[in-house]
Amino acid sequence: MDHESGVSLRELADRHDVSTHAMWKAVKGISYLSKSECKLTTSFKLREKISQVLELHASGMNKSQLAKKFNVSRASISKILSGRTYKDVR
């Protein structure tokens, strides 16, 4: 089980169309991943960052502060918060 979200590795692997082993390596951040596994790891880390943006905004951090913290534009933060981008990460 993924202790943070309550989703099993099998479920995550099925969602991303990779093996359970590939998902395990992505979750653990193990290096020497294949090209497709690297994409998955990047996707997984990006989802974590998007979740952090949403949590920090909910706790009171404004868009400018978030943009500075994550080194992105304020427009990117606005798109994330409005759901125009990364709608599936909620």
N, C-alpha and C. Protein backbone atom coordinates (compact mmCIF):
# COMPACT_ATOMS: atom_id res chain seq x y z
N MET A 1 0.83 -1.20 0.00
CA MET A 1 0.00 0.00 0.00
C MET A 1 0.86 1.25 0.00
N ASP A 2 0.43 2.23 -0.73
CA ASP A 2 1.05 3.55 -0.66
C ASP A 2 0.51 4.19 0.60
N HIS A 3 1.34 4.37 1.57
CA HIS A 3 0.88 4.81 2.88
C HIS A 3 0.29 6.21 2.88
N GLU A 4 0.70 7.04 1.95
CA GLU A 4 0.19 8.41 1.92
C GLU A 4 -1.20 8.50 1.31
N SER A 5 -1.45 7.76 0.26
CA SER A 5 -2.74 7.91 -0.42
C SER A 5 -3.66 6.72 -0.23
N GLY A 6 -3.15 5.62 0.32
CA GLY A 6 -3.97 4.43 0.50
C GLY A 6 -4.19 3.64 -0.78
N VAL A 7 -3.38 3.90 -1.80
CA VAL A 7 -3.50 3.20 -3.09
C VAL A 7 -2.37 2.18 -3.17
N SER A 8 -2.69 0.97 -3.58
CA SER A 8 -1.67 -0.07 -3.69
C SER A 8 -0.78 0.17 -4.90
N LEU A 9 0.41 -0.43 -4.85
CA LEU A 9 1.33 -0.34 -5.99
C LEU A 9 0.68 -0.92 -7.24
N ARG A 10 -0.06 -2.01 -7.09
CA ARG A 10 -0.74 -2.65 -8.23
C ARG A 10 -1.70 -1.65 -8.87
N GLU A 11 -2.49 -0.95 -8.06
CA GLU A 11 -3.44 0.03 -8.60
C GLU A 11 -2.71 1.16 -9.32
N LEU A 12 -1.63 1.66 -8.71
CA LEU A 12 -0.84 2.72 -9.35
C LEU A 12 -0.24 2.23 -10.66
N ALA A 13 0.30 1.02 -10.65
CA ALA A 13 0.90 0.45 -11.85
C ALA A 13 -0.14 0.32 -12.96
N ASP A 14 -1.33 -0.15 -12.60
CA ASP A 14 -2.40 -0.30 -13.59
C ASP A 14 -2.80 1.06 -14.17
N ARG A 15 -2.89 2.08 -13.32
CA ARG A 15 -3.26 3.42 -13.79
C ARG A 15 -2.27 3.96 -14.81
N HIS A 16 -0.99 3.64 -14.60
CA HIS A 16 0.07 4.20 -15.46
C HIS A 16 0.58 3.21 -16.49
N ASP A 17 -0.07 2.06 -16.55
CA ASP A 17 0.26 1.04 -17.55
C ASP A 17 1.74 0.63 -17.50
N VAL A 18 2.23 0.36 -16.28
CA VAL A 18 3.59 -0.14 -16.08
C VAL A 18 3.54 -1.33 -15.14
N SER A 19 4.66 -2.02 -15.00
CA SER A 19 4.70 -3.17 -14.09
C SER A 19 4.71 -2.69 -12.64
N THR A 20 4.35 -3.59 -11.76
CA THR A 20 4.39 -3.27 -10.33
C THR A 20 5.82 -2.95 -9.91
N HIS A 21 6.78 -3.68 -10.47
CA HIS A 21 8.19 -3.44 -10.15
C HIS A 21 8.62 -2.04 -10.60
N ALA A 22 8.21 -1.64 -11.78
CA ALA A 22 8.54 -0.30 -12.27
C ALA A 22 7.92 0.76 -11.37
N MET A 23 6.69 0.52 -10.93
CA MET A 23 6.03 1.47 -10.04
C MET A 23 6.76 1.52 -8.70
N TRP A 24 7.16 0.37 -8.19
CA TRP A 24 7.88 0.33 -6.92
C TRP A 24 9.16 1.16 -7.01
N LYS A 25 9.91 0.99 -8.14
CA LYS A 25 11.14 1.76 -8.31
C LYS A 25 10.84 3.26 -8.41
N ALA A 26 9.75 3.62 -9.07
CA ALA A 26 9.39 5.03 -9.20
C ALA A 26 9.03 5.61 -7.84
N VAL A 27 8.26 4.89 -7.06
CA VAL A 27 7.85 5.37 -5.74
C VAL A 27 9.06 5.51 -4.81
N LYS A 28 9.97 4.56 -4.89
CA LYS A 28 11.16 4.59 -4.03
C LYS A 28 12.23 5.55 -4.54
N GLY A 29 12.09 6.03 -5.77
CA GLY A 29 13.06 6.96 -6.33
C GLY A 29 14.38 6.30 -6.69
N ILE A 30 14.33 5.01 -7.02
CA ILE A 30 15.54 4.28 -7.36
C ILE A 30 16.01 4.72 -8.74
N SER A 31 17.31 4.96 -8.86
CA SER A 31 17.86 5.42 -10.13
C SER A 31 18.03 4.26 -11.10
N TYR A 32 18.58 4.55 -12.24
CA TYR A 32 18.79 3.59 -13.32
C TYR A 32 17.47 3.06 -13.86
N LEU A 33 16.53 3.95 -14.06
CA LEU A 33 15.24 3.56 -14.62
C LEU A 33 15.30 3.58 -16.14
N SER A 34 14.45 2.80 -16.76
CA SER A 34 14.35 2.82 -18.21
C SER A 34 13.72 4.14 -18.64
N LYS A 35 13.73 4.40 -19.92
CA LYS A 35 13.17 5.66 -20.44
C LYS A 35 11.70 5.80 -20.06
N SER A 36 10.92 4.75 -20.22
CA SER A 36 9.50 4.84 -19.87
C SER A 36 9.31 4.97 -18.36
N GLU A 37 10.18 4.33 -17.60
CA GLU A 37 10.10 4.44 -16.15
C GLU A 37 10.50 5.84 -15.69
N CYS A 38 11.42 6.48 -16.40
CA CYS A 38 11.81 7.86 -16.06
C CYS A 38 10.63 8.80 -16.24
N LYS A 39 9.87 8.60 -17.31
CA LYS A 39 8.68 9.41 -17.54
C LYS A 39 7.71 9.24 -16.38
N LEU A 40 7.56 8.01 -15.93
CA LEU A 40 6.66 7.72 -14.83
C LEU A 40 7.14 8.40 -13.55
N THR A 41 8.44 8.33 -13.27
CA THR A 41 9.00 8.96 -12.08
C THR A 41 8.79 10.46 -12.12
N THR A 42 9.04 11.06 -13.28
CA THR A 42 8.82 12.49 -13.43
C THR A 42 7.36 12.82 -13.19
N SER A 43 6.47 12.03 -13.74
CA SER A 43 5.04 12.23 -13.56
C SER A 43 4.67 12.11 -12.09
N PHE A 44 5.23 11.12 -11.42
CA PHE A 44 4.92 10.89 -10.00
C PHE A 44 5.41 12.07 -9.16
N LYS A 45 6.62 12.56 -9.43
CA LYS A 45 7.16 13.69 -8.68
C LYS A 45 6.38 14.97 -8.98
N LEU A 46 5.97 15.13 -10.23
CA LEU A 46 5.18 16.30 -10.60
C LEU A 46 3.86 16.29 -9.86
N ARG A 47 3.22 15.14 -9.78
CA ARG A 47 1.97 15.02 -9.04
C ARG A 47 2.15 15.40 -7.58
N GLU A 48 3.28 15.01 -7.00
CA GLU A 48 3.56 15.37 -5.62
C GLU A 48 3.66 16.89 -5.48
N LYS A 49 4.34 17.54 -6.43
CA LYS A 49 4.49 19.00 -6.40
C LYS A 49 3.14 19.70 -6.55
N ILE A 50 2.32 19.20 -7.46
CA ILE A 50 1.00 19.79 -7.67
C ILE A 50 0.18 19.67 -6.38
N SER A 51 0.25 18.52 -5.75
CA SER A 51 -0.46 18.32 -4.48
C SER A 51 0.04 19.29 -3.42
N GLN A 52 1.35 19.52 -3.40
CA GLN A 52 1.92 20.48 -2.44
C GLN A 52 1.40 21.88 -2.70
N VAL A 53 1.34 22.27 -3.97
CA VAL A 53 0.82 23.60 -4.34
C VAL A 53 -0.60 23.74 -3.81
N LEU A 54 -1.43 22.75 -4.04
CA LEU A 54 -2.83 22.81 -3.61
C LEU A 54 -2.93 22.89 -2.08
N GLU A 55 -2.13 22.09 -1.39
CA GLU A 55 -2.16 22.09 0.07
C GLU A 55 -1.69 23.43 0.64
N LEU A 56 -0.59 23.94 0.11
CA LEU A 56 -0.05 25.21 0.61
C LEU A 56 -1.02 26.37 0.34
N HIS A 57 -1.66 26.35 -0.81
CA HIS A 57 -2.64 27.40 -1.12
C HIS A 57 -3.82 27.31 -0.15
N ALA A 58 -4.27 26.10 0.11
CA ALA A 58 -5.39 25.91 1.05
C ALA A 58 -5.02 26.37 2.46
N SER A 59 -3.74 26.30 2.79
CA SER A 59 -3.31 26.72 4.13
C SER A 59 -3.00 28.21 4.20
N GLY A 60 -3.17 28.93 3.07
CA GLY A 60 -3.06 30.38 3.12
C GLY A 60 -1.94 31.01 2.31
N MET A 61 -1.10 30.22 1.67
CA MET A 61 -0.03 30.80 0.86
C MET A 61 -0.62 31.36 -0.42
N ASN A 62 -0.22 32.59 -0.78
CA ASN A 62 -0.79 33.20 -1.99
C ASN A 62 -0.05 32.76 -3.25
N LYS A 63 -0.60 33.12 -4.40
CA LYS A 63 -0.07 32.68 -5.68
C LYS A 63 1.36 33.14 -5.93
N SER A 64 1.65 34.37 -5.56
CA SER A 64 3.01 34.88 -5.76
C SER A 64 4.02 34.12 -4.91
N GLN A 65 3.66 33.82 -3.68
CA GLN A 65 4.54 33.06 -2.80
C GLN A 65 4.76 31.65 -3.35
N LEU A 66 3.68 31.03 -3.83
CA LEU A 66 3.78 29.69 -4.40
C LEU A 66 4.68 29.69 -5.63
N ALA A 67 4.49 30.69 -6.50
CA ALA A 67 5.30 30.78 -7.72
C ALA A 67 6.78 30.89 -7.37
N LYS A 68 7.09 31.70 -6.38
CA LYS A 68 8.48 31.87 -5.96
C LYS A 68 9.02 30.57 -5.36
N LYS A 69 8.24 29.92 -4.50
CA LYS A 69 8.67 28.69 -3.85
C LYS A 69 8.97 27.57 -4.85
N PHE A 70 8.12 27.43 -5.87
CA PHE A 70 8.27 26.34 -6.83
C PHE A 70 9.00 26.77 -8.11
N ASN A 71 9.44 28.03 -8.14
CA ASN A 71 10.21 28.55 -9.26
C ASN A 71 9.46 28.42 -10.60
N VAL A 72 8.20 28.82 -10.57
CA VAL A 72 7.37 28.83 -11.77
C VAL A 72 6.68 30.18 -11.85
N SER A 73 6.01 30.44 -12.95
CA SER A 73 5.30 31.71 -13.09
C SER A 73 4.01 31.71 -12.26
N ARG A 74 3.56 32.91 -11.96
CA ARG A 74 2.29 33.06 -11.24
C ARG A 74 1.15 32.51 -12.09
N ALA A 75 1.27 32.67 -13.40
CA ALA A 75 0.24 32.15 -14.32
C ALA A 75 0.14 30.63 -14.22
N SER A 76 1.28 29.96 -14.09
CA SER A 76 1.27 28.50 -13.94
C SER A 76 0.54 28.09 -12.66
N ILE A 77 0.81 28.81 -11.60
CA ILE A 77 0.13 28.54 -10.32
C ILE A 77 -1.37 28.77 -10.46
N SER A 78 -1.75 29.84 -11.12
CA SER A 78 -3.17 30.14 -11.33
C SER A 78 -3.87 29.03 -12.10
N LYS A 79 -3.20 28.51 -13.13
CA LYS A 79 -3.78 27.43 -13.93
C LYS A 79 -3.95 26.16 -13.11
N ILE A 80 -2.98 25.87 -12.26
CA ILE A 80 -3.08 24.69 -11.38
C ILE A 80 -4.25 24.86 -10.42
N LEU A 81 -4.32 26.02 -9.78
CA LEU A 81 -5.35 26.25 -8.77
C LEU A 81 -6.76 26.30 -9.36
N SER A 82 -6.87 26.79 -10.59
CA SER A 82 -8.19 26.87 -11.22
C SER A 82 -8.62 25.55 -11.84
N GLY A 83 -7.68 24.61 -11.95
CA GLY A 83 -8.00 23.32 -12.54
C GLY A 83 -7.86 23.28 -14.06
N ARG A 84 -7.31 24.36 -14.65
CA ARG A 84 -7.09 24.36 -16.10
C ARG A 84 -5.98 23.40 -16.51
N THR A 85 -5.05 23.17 -15.60
CA THR A 85 -4.00 22.17 -15.83
C THR A 85 -3.98 21.20 -14.66
N TYR A 86 -3.58 19.98 -14.92
CA TYR A 86 -3.47 18.93 -13.90
C TYR A 86 -4.78 18.72 -13.14
N LYS A 87 -5.89 18.69 -13.88
CA LYS A 87 -7.21 18.47 -13.28
C LYS A 87 -7.29 17.15 -12.52
N ASP A 88 -6.56 16.15 -13.03
CA ASP A 88 -6.64 14.81 -12.43
C ASP A 88 -5.91 14.71 -11.10
N VAL A 89 -5.13 15.72 -10.74
CA VAL A 89 -4.41 15.70 -9.45
C VAL A 89 -5.20 16.52 -8.45
N ARG A 90 -6.11 15.88 -7.82
CA ARG A 90 -6.97 16.55 -6.82
C ARG A 90 -7.21 15.64 -5.67
